[in-house]
Amino acid sequence: VSGAYFNPAVTLAAKLSGRANLSTRTTIFYVLAQLVAGIAATSLFLTLSHGKPITLQFGRRVPTEAELYAESCYTFLVTYVVLATSLHTGRGSEALAIDDDSGKRFWRQSDIAGFAYGACQVAGGFAVGHISGALLNPAVVIAFEGVNIFSNHFRGRVLLYIVWETLGALLATGTFMVTNAHLYLHDPEEAAQAASSA
């Protein structure tokens, strides 16, 4: 229905890479919906916890730069995997073809996208959860910080995660477009030749 991006950084990457049939307006609404959902989660948590803050406790104290680098790297991973397993234009099974209103044809690669997305989140949790909390999603950062702001336990540097997560997503977009250049060639012969040489 929506692509199930759940993540503003991934939604931006899907739009910029052309991997999703999203208009600029739709992209903005998706991002706003994801952020509002984070705020709604904040409100629900505050109601259920009677205003107690969420404390991100890590296994050891690391420099802020390490936290930001960890968030950026694993947001890169999540974004690249979503781009690699989501809707795309190109050759594929006619049984899986979807025509949209603009006449553009899309093929779903497989139903593995959700599993791959979840696996990246789990890998990020195990790999960098003790370093940065493995939030990997600006909407989740907003939710965590929203709880802490309302509880007077503001941890401002976590808001830097949003910048670094977005940077990781943008780097993943560029990397995907370079490593899958055949998807962006309009001549079918050139695309087939580029795909066979890749």
N, C-alpha and C. Protein backbone atom coordinates (compact mmCIF):
# COMPACT_ATOMS: atom_id res chain seq x y z
N VAL A 1 0.84 -1.20 0.00
CA VAL A 1 0.00 0.00 0.00
C VAL A 1 0.88 1.25 0.00
N SER A 2 1.80 1.35 0.98
CA SER A 2 2.60 2.57 1.11
C SER A 2 4.09 2.33 0.91
N GLY A 3 4.51 1.11 0.81
CA GLY A 3 5.94 0.80 0.75
C GLY A 3 6.52 0.45 2.09
N ALA A 4 5.79 0.71 3.16
CA ALA A 4 6.19 0.37 4.53
C ALA A 4 7.59 0.85 4.87
N TYR A 5 7.87 2.12 4.61
CA TYR A 5 9.20 2.65 4.90
C TYR A 5 9.39 2.93 6.39
N PHE A 6 8.40 3.47 7.07
CA PHE A 6 8.41 3.71 8.52
C PHE A 6 9.50 4.65 9.00
N ASN A 7 10.31 5.17 8.11
CA ASN A 7 11.52 5.88 8.48
C ASN A 7 11.70 7.08 7.55
N PRO A 8 11.70 8.30 8.07
CA PRO A 8 11.85 9.47 7.19
C PRO A 8 13.12 9.45 6.34
N ALA A 9 14.21 8.96 6.89
CA ALA A 9 15.46 8.92 6.12
C ALA A 9 15.34 7.94 4.96
N VAL A 10 14.72 6.80 5.18
CA VAL A 10 14.53 5.80 4.12
C VAL A 10 13.53 6.32 3.09
N THR A 11 12.48 6.98 3.55
CA THR A 11 11.49 7.56 2.63
C THR A 11 12.15 8.56 1.71
N LEU A 12 13.00 9.43 2.26
CA LEU A 12 13.74 10.40 1.44
C LEU A 12 14.62 9.68 0.43
N ALA A 13 15.30 8.63 0.86
CA ALA A 13 16.17 7.87 -0.05
C ALA A 13 15.36 7.21 -1.17
N ALA A 14 14.20 6.65 -0.83
CA ALA A 14 13.36 6.02 -1.85
C ALA A 14 12.91 7.03 -2.89
N LYS A 15 12.58 8.24 -2.44
CA LYS A 15 12.17 9.30 -3.35
C LYS A 15 13.34 9.74 -4.24
N LEU A 16 14.47 10.04 -3.62
CA LEU A 16 15.61 10.56 -4.39
C LEU A 16 16.19 9.55 -5.37
N SER A 17 16.12 8.27 -5.01
CA SER A 17 16.68 7.23 -5.87
C SER A 17 15.73 6.83 -6.99
N GLY A 18 14.46 7.23 -6.88
CA GLY A 18 13.48 6.83 -7.88
C GLY A 18 12.99 5.41 -7.69
N ARG A 19 13.31 4.80 -6.56
CA ARG A 19 12.92 3.41 -6.30
C ARG A 19 11.47 3.28 -5.87
N ALA A 20 10.85 4.37 -5.56
CA ALA A 20 9.44 4.36 -5.19
C ALA A 20 8.72 5.40 -6.04
N ASN A 21 7.49 5.13 -6.36
CA ASN A 21 6.71 6.05 -7.17
C ASN A 21 6.07 7.09 -6.24
N LEU A 22 6.91 7.95 -5.65
CA LEU A 22 6.45 8.95 -4.70
C LEU A 22 6.62 10.35 -5.29
N SER A 23 5.55 11.12 -5.27
CA SER A 23 5.68 12.52 -5.65
C SER A 23 6.31 13.27 -4.48
N THR A 24 6.76 14.48 -4.72
CA THR A 24 7.33 15.28 -3.63
C THR A 24 6.30 15.50 -2.54
N ARG A 25 5.08 15.78 -2.94
CA ARG A 25 4.00 16.00 -1.97
C ARG A 25 3.75 14.75 -1.12
N THR A 26 3.68 13.59 -1.78
CA THR A 26 3.46 12.34 -1.05
C THR A 26 4.61 12.06 -0.10
N THR A 27 5.84 12.32 -0.55
CA THR A 27 7.01 12.12 0.30
C THR A 27 6.92 12.97 1.56
N ILE A 28 6.54 14.23 1.39
CA ILE A 28 6.40 15.13 2.55
C ILE A 28 5.34 14.59 3.50
N PHE A 29 4.21 14.15 2.96
CA PHE A 29 3.15 13.61 3.82
C PHE A 29 3.59 12.33 4.54
N TYR A 30 4.34 11.47 3.84
CA TYR A 30 4.86 10.26 4.49
C TYR A 30 5.75 10.62 5.67
N VAL A 31 6.68 11.56 5.43
CA VAL A 31 7.61 11.97 6.49
C VAL A 31 6.84 12.58 7.66
N LEU A 32 5.88 13.44 7.34
CA LEU A 32 5.08 14.04 8.41
C LEU A 32 4.30 12.97 9.19
N ALA A 33 3.74 12.00 8.48
CA ALA A 33 2.99 10.92 9.15
C ALA A 33 3.91 10.12 10.06
N GLN A 34 5.14 9.86 9.60
CA GLN A 34 6.10 9.10 10.41
C GLN A 34 6.49 9.88 11.66
N LEU A 35 6.71 11.19 11.51
CA LEU A 35 7.06 12.01 12.67
C LEU A 35 5.89 12.15 13.65
N VAL A 36 4.69 12.32 13.11
CA VAL A 36 3.50 12.41 13.98
C VAL A 36 3.30 11.10 14.72
N ALA A 37 3.56 9.98 14.06
CA ALA A 37 3.46 8.68 14.73
C ALA A 37 4.46 8.59 15.88
N GLY A 38 5.66 9.12 15.68
CA GLY A 38 6.64 9.16 16.76
C GLY A 38 6.16 9.99 17.93
N ILE A 39 5.54 11.13 17.63
CA ILE A 39 5.00 11.99 18.68
C ILE A 39 3.82 11.30 19.39
N ALA A 40 2.99 10.60 18.61
CA ALA A 40 1.87 9.86 19.21
C ALA A 40 2.39 8.76 20.14
N ALA A 41 3.46 8.10 19.73
CA ALA A 41 4.06 7.08 20.59
C ALA A 41 4.58 7.71 21.88
N THR A 42 5.17 8.90 21.75
CA THR A 42 5.63 9.64 22.93
C THR A 42 4.47 9.90 23.89
N SER A 43 3.36 10.38 23.34
CA SER A 43 2.20 10.68 24.17
C SER A 43 1.66 9.43 24.87
N LEU A 44 1.60 8.34 24.14
CA LEU A 44 1.11 7.09 24.72
C LEU A 44 2.04 6.61 25.83
N PHE A 45 3.35 6.66 25.57
CA PHE A 45 4.31 6.23 26.59
C PHE A 45 4.21 7.08 27.84
N LEU A 46 4.12 8.40 27.66
CA LEU A 46 4.02 9.30 28.81
C LEU A 46 2.76 9.01 29.63
N THR A 47 1.69 8.69 28.94
CA THR A 47 0.44 8.36 29.64
C THR A 47 0.59 7.08 30.44
N LEU A 48 1.19 6.05 29.82
CA LEU A 48 1.32 4.75 30.48
C LEU A 48 2.38 4.74 31.59
N SER A 49 3.42 5.58 31.42
CA SER A 49 4.52 5.56 32.40
C SER A 49 4.38 6.68 33.44
N HIS A 50 3.29 7.42 33.39
CA HIS A 50 3.05 8.53 34.31
C HIS A 50 4.17 9.57 34.26
N GLY A 51 4.67 9.82 33.03
CA GLY A 51 5.64 10.88 32.81
C GLY A 51 7.09 10.52 33.09
N LYS A 52 7.40 9.24 33.27
CA LYS A 52 8.80 8.86 33.52
C LYS A 52 9.60 8.95 32.23
N PRO A 53 10.85 9.40 32.30
CA PRO A 53 11.68 9.51 31.09
C PRO A 53 12.20 8.15 30.64
N ILE A 54 12.63 8.11 29.38
CA ILE A 54 13.30 6.93 28.85
C ILE A 54 14.79 7.20 28.95
N THR A 55 15.51 6.34 29.62
CA THR A 55 16.95 6.53 29.70
C THR A 55 17.63 5.54 28.78
N LEU A 56 18.43 6.08 27.87
CA LEU A 56 19.23 5.23 27.00
C LEU A 56 20.51 4.91 27.75
N GLN A 57 20.64 3.68 28.21
CA GLN A 57 21.83 3.29 28.95
C GLN A 57 22.65 2.37 28.08
N PHE A 58 23.88 2.76 27.85
CA PHE A 58 24.76 2.00 26.99
C PHE A 58 25.74 1.21 27.84
N GLY A 59 26.30 0.17 27.22
CA GLY A 59 27.22 -0.69 27.95
C GLY A 59 28.46 0.03 28.43
N ARG A 60 28.88 1.04 27.68
CA ARG A 60 30.05 1.82 28.09
C ARG A 60 29.93 3.20 27.50
N ARG A 61 30.63 4.12 28.07
CA ARG A 61 30.59 5.50 27.60
C ARG A 61 31.53 5.64 26.42
N VAL A 62 31.02 6.16 25.33
CA VAL A 62 31.83 6.37 24.14
C VAL A 62 31.69 7.83 23.72
N PRO A 63 32.63 8.33 22.93
CA PRO A 63 32.52 9.71 22.46
C PRO A 63 31.26 9.90 21.60
N THR A 64 30.74 11.11 21.59
CA THR A 64 29.56 11.42 20.78
C THR A 64 29.80 11.10 19.32
N GLU A 65 31.03 11.32 18.85
CA GLU A 65 31.35 11.02 17.45
C GLU A 65 31.13 9.55 17.13
N ALA A 66 31.46 8.67 18.07
CA ALA A 66 31.26 7.24 17.86
C ALA A 66 29.78 6.90 17.78
N GLU A 67 28.98 7.54 18.62
CA GLU A 67 27.53 7.33 18.57
C GLU A 67 26.98 7.75 17.21
N LEU A 68 27.39 8.94 16.75
CA LEU A 68 26.89 9.46 15.48
C LEU A 68 27.34 8.59 14.31
N TYR A 69 28.58 8.14 14.35
CA TYR A 69 29.11 7.28 13.29
C TYR A 69 28.35 5.95 13.26
N ALA A 70 28.07 5.38 14.42
CA ALA A 70 27.32 4.12 14.50
C ALA A 70 25.93 4.28 13.91
N GLU A 71 25.24 5.36 14.29
CA GLU A 71 23.90 5.61 13.75
C GLU A 71 23.95 5.79 12.23
N SER A 72 24.94 6.53 11.74
CA SER A 72 25.05 6.78 10.31
C SER A 72 25.32 5.49 9.54
N CYS A 73 26.23 4.67 10.04
CA CYS A 73 26.59 3.42 9.35
C CYS A 73 25.41 2.46 9.25
N TYR A 74 24.71 2.29 10.34
CA TYR A 74 23.61 1.32 10.31
C TYR A 74 22.37 1.89 9.64
N THR A 75 22.20 3.20 9.60
CA THR A 75 21.13 3.78 8.79
C THR A 75 21.47 3.60 7.32
N PHE A 76 22.76 3.70 6.99
CA PHE A 76 23.22 3.41 5.63
C PHE A 76 22.83 1.98 5.26
N LEU A 77 23.11 1.03 6.14
CA LEU A 77 22.80 -0.38 5.88
C LEU A 77 21.30 -0.58 5.67
N VAL A 78 20.49 -0.07 6.59
CA VAL A 78 19.03 -0.22 6.49
C VAL A 78 18.54 0.37 5.17
N THR A 79 19.00 1.57 4.85
CA THR A 79 18.54 2.26 3.64
C THR A 79 18.95 1.50 2.39
N TYR A 80 20.20 1.06 2.33
CA TYR A 80 20.67 0.35 1.14
C TYR A 80 19.86 -0.93 0.94
N VAL A 81 19.61 -1.66 2.01
CA VAL A 81 18.85 -2.90 1.91
C VAL A 81 17.42 -2.64 1.46
N VAL A 82 16.80 -1.59 1.98
CA VAL A 82 15.43 -1.25 1.55
C VAL A 82 15.43 -0.90 0.06
N LEU A 83 16.40 -0.12 -0.38
CA LEU A 83 16.45 0.23 -1.80
C LEU A 83 16.69 -1.00 -2.67
N ALA A 84 17.48 -1.93 -2.18
CA ALA A 84 17.81 -3.12 -2.96
C ALA A 84 16.67 -4.13 -3.01
N THR A 85 15.76 -4.09 -2.06
CA THR A 85 14.70 -5.10 -2.01
C THR A 85 13.30 -4.55 -2.23
N SER A 86 13.20 -3.25 -2.51
CA SER A 86 11.88 -2.64 -2.66
C SER A 86 11.47 -2.58 -4.12
N LEU A 87 10.38 -1.88 -4.40
CA LEU A 87 9.91 -1.73 -5.77
C LEU A 87 10.98 -1.12 -6.64
N HIS A 88 11.00 -1.55 -7.90
CA HIS A 88 11.95 -0.97 -8.84
C HIS A 88 11.40 -1.06 -10.24
N THR A 89 11.92 -0.21 -11.11
CA THR A 89 11.57 -0.29 -12.52
C THR A 89 12.60 -1.18 -13.19
N GLY A 90 12.18 -1.87 -14.21
CA GLY A 90 13.12 -2.71 -14.94
C GLY A 90 12.45 -3.97 -15.42
N ARG A 91 13.25 -4.95 -15.80
CA ARG A 91 12.72 -6.21 -16.31
C ARG A 91 12.30 -7.09 -15.16
N GLY A 92 11.27 -7.88 -15.36
CA GLY A 92 10.81 -8.76 -14.29
C GLY A 92 9.64 -9.58 -14.74
N SER A 93 9.09 -10.33 -13.87
CA SER A 93 7.97 -11.20 -14.16
C SER A 93 6.72 -10.38 -14.42
N GLU A 94 6.04 -10.65 -15.52
CA GLU A 94 4.79 -9.94 -15.82
C GLU A 94 3.75 -10.19 -14.74
N ALA A 95 3.82 -11.34 -14.09
CA ALA A 95 2.84 -11.65 -13.04
C ALA A 95 2.97 -10.72 -11.85
N LEU A 96 4.17 -10.15 -11.67
CA LEU A 96 4.41 -9.25 -10.55
C LEU A 96 4.39 -7.78 -10.96
N ALA A 97 4.01 -7.51 -12.21
CA ALA A 97 4.04 -6.13 -12.70
C ALA A 97 2.88 -5.33 -12.15
N ILE A 98 3.15 -4.07 -11.88
CA ILE A 98 2.15 -3.13 -11.39
C ILE A 98 2.21 -1.90 -12.28
N ASP A 99 1.09 -1.52 -12.88
CA ASP A 99 1.03 -0.28 -13.66
C ASP A 99 0.48 0.81 -12.78
N ASP A 100 1.14 1.96 -12.76
CA ASP A 100 0.60 3.07 -11.98
C ASP A 100 -0.10 4.06 -12.91
N ASP A 101 -0.61 5.14 -12.36
CA ASP A 101 -1.39 6.11 -13.12
C ASP A 101 -0.58 6.79 -14.22
N SER A 102 0.72 6.91 -14.04
CA SER A 102 1.54 7.60 -15.04
C SER A 102 1.95 6.67 -16.17
N GLY A 103 1.55 5.41 -16.12
CA GLY A 103 1.92 4.45 -17.16
C GLY A 103 3.26 3.79 -16.91
N LYS A 104 3.92 4.13 -15.82
CA LYS A 104 5.20 3.53 -15.48
C LYS A 104 4.95 2.14 -14.91
N ARG A 105 5.79 1.21 -15.24
CA ARG A 105 5.61 -0.16 -14.79
C ARG A 105 6.64 -0.48 -13.72
N PHE A 106 6.16 -1.08 -12.63
CA PHE A 106 7.03 -1.46 -11.53
C PHE A 106 6.97 -2.96 -11.33
N TRP A 107 8.05 -3.53 -10.84
CA TRP A 107 8.07 -4.95 -10.49
C TRP A 107 8.51 -5.08 -9.05
N ARG A 108 7.83 -5.92 -8.32
CA ARG A 108 8.25 -6.20 -6.95
C ARG A 108 9.30 -7.31 -7.04
N GLN A 109 10.49 -7.06 -6.50
CA GLN A 109 11.55 -8.05 -6.57
C GLN A 109 11.16 -9.32 -5.84
N SER A 110 10.69 -9.16 -4.63
CA SER A 110 10.28 -10.31 -3.84
C SER A 110 9.58 -9.80 -2.59
N ASP A 111 9.11 -10.71 -1.80
CA ASP A 111 8.48 -10.32 -0.54
C ASP A 111 9.49 -10.35 0.60
N ILE A 112 10.75 -10.34 0.28
CA ILE A 112 11.80 -10.42 1.30
C ILE A 112 12.09 -9.06 1.94
N ALA A 113 11.56 -7.98 1.36
CA ALA A 113 11.92 -6.63 1.82
C ALA A 113 11.67 -6.43 3.31
N GLY A 114 10.51 -6.82 3.81
CA GLY A 114 10.21 -6.63 5.23
C GLY A 114 11.13 -7.43 6.13
N PHE A 115 11.42 -8.66 5.73
CA PHE A 115 12.33 -9.49 6.51
C PHE A 115 13.74 -8.89 6.52
N ALA A 116 14.18 -8.43 5.35
CA ALA A 116 15.52 -7.84 5.25
C ALA A 116 15.62 -6.57 6.09
N TYR A 117 14.57 -5.75 6.04
CA TYR A 117 14.53 -4.51 6.83
C TYR A 117 14.64 -4.85 8.32
N GLY A 118 13.82 -5.79 8.76
CA GLY A 118 13.85 -6.21 10.17
C GLY A 118 15.19 -6.80 10.58
N ALA A 119 15.78 -7.59 9.68
CA ALA A 119 17.09 -8.19 9.99
C ALA A 119 18.16 -7.12 10.17
N CYS A 120 18.09 -6.06 9.37
CA CYS A 120 19.05 -4.95 9.53
C CYS A 120 18.86 -4.25 10.86
N GLN A 121 17.61 -4.08 11.28
CA GLN A 121 17.34 -3.46 12.57
C GLN A 121 17.89 -4.32 13.71
N VAL A 122 17.70 -5.63 13.60
CA VAL A 122 18.22 -6.54 14.64
C VAL A 122 19.75 -6.50 14.65
N ALA A 123 20.35 -6.55 13.45
CA ALA A 123 21.82 -6.49 13.36
C ALA A 123 22.34 -5.19 13.97
N GLY A 124 21.66 -4.08 13.66
CA GLY A 124 22.06 -2.79 14.23
C GLY A 124 21.93 -2.78 15.74
N GLY A 125 20.85 -3.38 16.25
CA GLY A 125 20.64 -3.45 17.70
C GLY A 125 21.75 -4.20 18.40
N PHE A 126 22.14 -5.34 17.83
CA PHE A 126 23.22 -6.12 18.44
C PHE A 126 24.58 -5.46 18.27
N ALA A 127 24.81 -4.85 17.10
CA ALA A 127 26.14 -4.31 16.80
C ALA A 127 26.40 -2.97 17.48
N VAL A 128 25.44 -2.06 17.46
CA VAL A 128 25.69 -0.72 17.99
C VAL A 128 24.70 -0.28 19.06
N GLY A 129 23.85 -1.19 19.50
CA GLY A 129 22.89 -0.84 20.56
C GLY A 129 23.58 -0.36 21.82
N HIS A 130 24.72 -0.94 22.15
CA HIS A 130 25.46 -0.54 23.36
C HIS A 130 26.26 0.75 23.15
N ILE A 131 26.35 1.20 21.89
CA ILE A 131 27.10 2.42 21.59
C ILE A 131 26.16 3.62 21.47
N SER A 132 25.12 3.46 20.64
CA SER A 132 24.24 4.61 20.34
C SER A 132 22.77 4.36 20.67
N GLY A 133 22.42 3.14 21.00
CA GLY A 133 21.01 2.81 21.20
C GLY A 133 20.38 2.25 19.95
N ALA A 134 21.07 2.33 18.82
CA ALA A 134 20.59 1.80 17.53
C ALA A 134 19.18 2.28 17.21
N LEU A 135 18.97 3.58 17.29
CA LEU A 135 17.65 4.14 16.97
C LEU A 135 17.38 4.06 15.46
N LEU A 136 18.36 4.45 14.64
CA LEU A 136 18.37 4.27 13.18
C LEU A 136 17.18 4.87 12.45
N ASN A 137 16.45 5.78 13.07
CA ASN A 137 15.24 6.30 12.47
C ASN A 137 14.93 7.66 13.10
N PRO A 138 14.90 8.74 12.29
CA PRO A 138 14.61 10.06 12.86
C PRO A 138 13.27 10.13 13.61
N ALA A 139 12.27 9.38 13.17
CA ALA A 139 10.98 9.39 13.88
C ALA A 139 11.12 8.78 15.27
N VAL A 140 11.96 7.75 15.39
CA VAL A 140 12.20 7.14 16.70
C VAL A 140 12.98 8.10 17.59
N VAL A 141 13.93 8.82 17.00
CA VAL A 141 14.69 9.82 17.76
C VAL A 141 13.74 10.87 18.31
N ILE A 142 12.82 11.35 17.46
CA ILE A 142 11.83 12.34 17.90
C ILE A 142 10.99 11.77 19.04
N ALA A 143 10.60 10.52 18.94
CA ALA A 143 9.79 9.89 19.99
C ALA A 143 10.57 9.83 21.31
N PHE A 144 11.81 9.36 21.25
CA PHE A 144 12.63 9.26 22.47
C PHE A 144 12.86 10.62 23.09
N GLU A 145 13.26 11.58 22.25
CA GLU A 145 13.54 12.91 22.78
C GLU A 145 12.28 13.62 23.24
N GLY A 146 11.15 13.34 22.58
CA GLY A 146 9.89 13.93 23.01
C GLY A 146 9.54 13.55 24.43
N VAL A 147 9.71 12.27 24.74
CA VAL A 147 9.46 11.80 26.11
C VAL A 147 10.38 12.53 27.08
N ASN A 148 11.64 12.63 26.71
CA ASN A 148 12.62 13.25 27.61
C ASN A 148 12.40 14.75 27.76
N ILE A 149 11.98 15.42 26.68
CA ILE A 149 11.70 16.85 26.76
C ILE A 149 10.55 17.10 27.73
N PHE A 150 9.47 16.32 27.59
CA PHE A 150 8.32 16.50 28.47
C PHE A 150 8.62 16.09 29.91
N SER A 151 9.65 15.26 30.09
CA SER A 151 10.02 14.81 31.43
C SER A 151 11.18 15.63 32.00
N ASN A 152 11.58 16.70 31.30
CA ASN A 152 12.70 17.56 31.72
C ASN A 152 14.01 16.80 31.84
N HIS A 153 14.23 15.84 30.95
CA HIS A 153 15.50 15.10 30.90
C HIS A 153 16.05 15.17 29.47
N PHE A 154 16.12 16.38 28.95
CA PHE A 154 16.54 16.58 27.56
C PHE A 154 17.99 16.18 27.36
N ARG A 155 18.24 15.38 26.34
CA ARG A 155 19.59 14.93 26.00
C ARG A 155 19.86 15.39 24.57
N GLY A 156 20.21 16.66 24.43
CA GLY A 156 20.26 17.33 23.14
C GLY A 156 21.10 16.67 22.07
N ARG A 157 22.18 16.00 22.45
CA ARG A 157 23.04 15.46 21.41
C ARG A 157 22.36 14.35 20.62
N VAL A 158 21.31 13.73 21.18
CA VAL A 158 20.61 12.70 20.44
C VAL A 158 19.93 13.29 19.21
N LEU A 159 19.58 14.57 19.24
CA LEU A 159 18.99 15.20 18.07
C LEU A 159 19.98 15.25 16.90
N LEU A 160 21.28 15.21 17.21
CA LEU A 160 22.28 15.12 16.14
C LEU A 160 22.15 13.81 15.36
N TYR A 161 21.56 12.80 15.99
CA TYR A 161 21.33 11.52 15.31
C TYR A 161 20.54 11.75 14.02
N ILE A 162 19.57 12.65 14.07
CA ILE A 162 18.73 12.89 12.89
C ILE A 162 19.59 13.31 11.70
N VAL A 163 20.53 14.23 11.94
CA VAL A 163 21.41 14.70 10.87
C VAL A 163 22.25 13.55 10.34
N TRP A 164 22.85 12.77 11.24
CA TRP A 164 23.74 11.70 10.83
C TRP A 164 22.99 10.52 10.21
N GLU A 165 21.78 10.27 10.69
CA GLU A 165 20.97 9.21 10.06
C GLU A 165 20.57 9.62 8.65
N THR A 166 20.22 10.89 8.47
CA THR A 166 19.88 11.38 7.13
C THR A 166 21.09 11.33 6.22
N LEU A 167 22.25 11.69 6.75
CA LEU A 167 23.49 11.61 5.97
C LEU A 167 23.76 10.16 5.56
N GLY A 168 23.59 9.22 6.47
CA GLY A 168 23.77 7.80 6.13
C GLY A 168 22.82 7.36 5.04
N ALA A 169 21.57 7.82 5.10
CA ALA A 169 20.58 7.47 4.07
C ALA A 169 20.95 8.06 2.72
N LEU A 170 21.44 9.30 2.72
CA LEU A 170 21.84 9.94 1.46
C LEU A 170 23.05 9.25 0.84
N LEU A 171 24.01 8.85 1.69
CA LEU A 171 25.16 8.10 1.19
C LEU A 171 24.74 6.75 0.62
N ALA A 172 23.77 6.11 1.26
CA ALA A 172 23.26 4.83 0.76
C ALA A 172 22.57 5.02 -0.58
N THR A 173 21.85 6.13 -0.73
CA THR A 173 21.18 6.42 -2.00
C THR A 173 22.20 6.56 -3.12
N GLY A 174 23.23 7.36 -2.88
CA GLY A 174 24.28 7.53 -3.88
C GLY A 174 24.98 6.23 -4.20
N THR A 175 25.30 5.46 -3.18
CA THR A 175 25.97 4.17 -3.39
C THR A 175 25.10 3.22 -4.18
N PHE A 176 23.82 3.18 -3.85
CA PHE A 176 22.89 2.31 -4.58
C PHE A 176 22.82 2.71 -6.05
N MET A 177 22.73 4.00 -6.32
CA MET A 177 22.61 4.47 -7.70
C MET A 177 23.88 4.18 -8.51
N VAL A 178 25.03 4.22 -7.85
CA VAL A 178 26.28 3.91 -8.54
C VAL A 178 26.42 2.40 -8.76
N THR A 179 26.10 1.61 -7.73
CA THR A 179 26.28 0.16 -7.85
C THR A 179 25.18 -0.52 -8.66
N ASN A 180 24.09 0.19 -8.92
CA ASN A 180 22.99 -0.35 -9.72
C ASN A 180 22.65 0.60 -10.87
N ALA A 181 23.70 1.10 -11.52
CA ALA A 181 23.50 2.10 -12.57
C ALA A 181 22.63 1.58 -13.70
N HIS A 182 22.63 0.27 -13.93
CA HIS A 182 21.83 -0.29 -15.03
C HIS A 182 20.33 -0.03 -14.83
N LEU A 183 19.89 0.18 -13.59
CA LEU A 183 18.47 0.47 -13.34
C LEU A 183 18.08 1.87 -13.82
N TYR A 184 19.08 2.70 -14.06
CA TYR A 184 18.80 4.09 -14.42
C TYR A 184 19.06 4.38 -15.89
N LEU A 185 19.41 3.35 -16.67
CA LEU A 185 19.60 3.52 -18.10
C LEU A 185 18.25 3.36 -18.80
N HIS A 186 17.94 4.25 -19.72
CA HIS A 186 16.64 4.22 -20.37
C HIS A 186 16.63 3.33 -21.61
N ASP A 187 17.78 3.09 -22.20
CA ASP A 187 17.86 2.21 -23.37
C ASP A 187 17.90 0.76 -22.89
N PRO A 188 16.93 -0.08 -23.25
CA PRO A 188 16.89 -1.47 -22.77
C PRO A 188 18.16 -2.26 -23.10
N GLU A 189 18.76 -2.01 -24.26
CA GLU A 189 19.97 -2.74 -24.64
C GLU A 189 21.13 -2.35 -23.73
N GLU A 190 21.28 -1.03 -23.46
CA GLU A 190 22.34 -0.58 -22.56
C GLU A 190 22.14 -1.13 -21.16
N ALA A 191 20.88 -1.13 -20.71
CA ALA A 191 20.60 -1.63 -19.36
C ALA A 191 20.93 -3.11 -19.25
N ALA A 192 20.56 -3.91 -20.27
CA ALA A 192 20.83 -5.34 -20.24
C ALA A 192 22.35 -5.58 -20.28
N GLN A 193 23.07 -4.80 -21.08
CA GLN A 193 24.52 -4.94 -21.18
C GLN A 193 25.18 -4.55 -19.83
N ALA A 194 24.73 -3.46 -19.22
CA ALA A 194 25.29 -3.03 -17.95
C ALA A 194 24.99 -4.05 -16.85
N ALA A 195 23.79 -4.63 -16.87
CA ALA A 195 23.42 -5.62 -15.86
C ALA A 195 24.24 -6.89 -15.99
N SER A 196 24.52 -7.30 -17.22
CA SER A 196 25.29 -8.53 -17.43
C SER A 196 26.76 -8.34 -17.08
N SER A 197 27.26 -7.11 -17.18
CA SER A 197 28.67 -6.87 -16.84
C SER A 197 28.86 -6.58 -15.35
N ALA A 198 27.77 -6.35 -14.62
CA ALA A 198 27.88 -6.01 -13.20
C ALA A 198 28.11 -7.21 -12.35
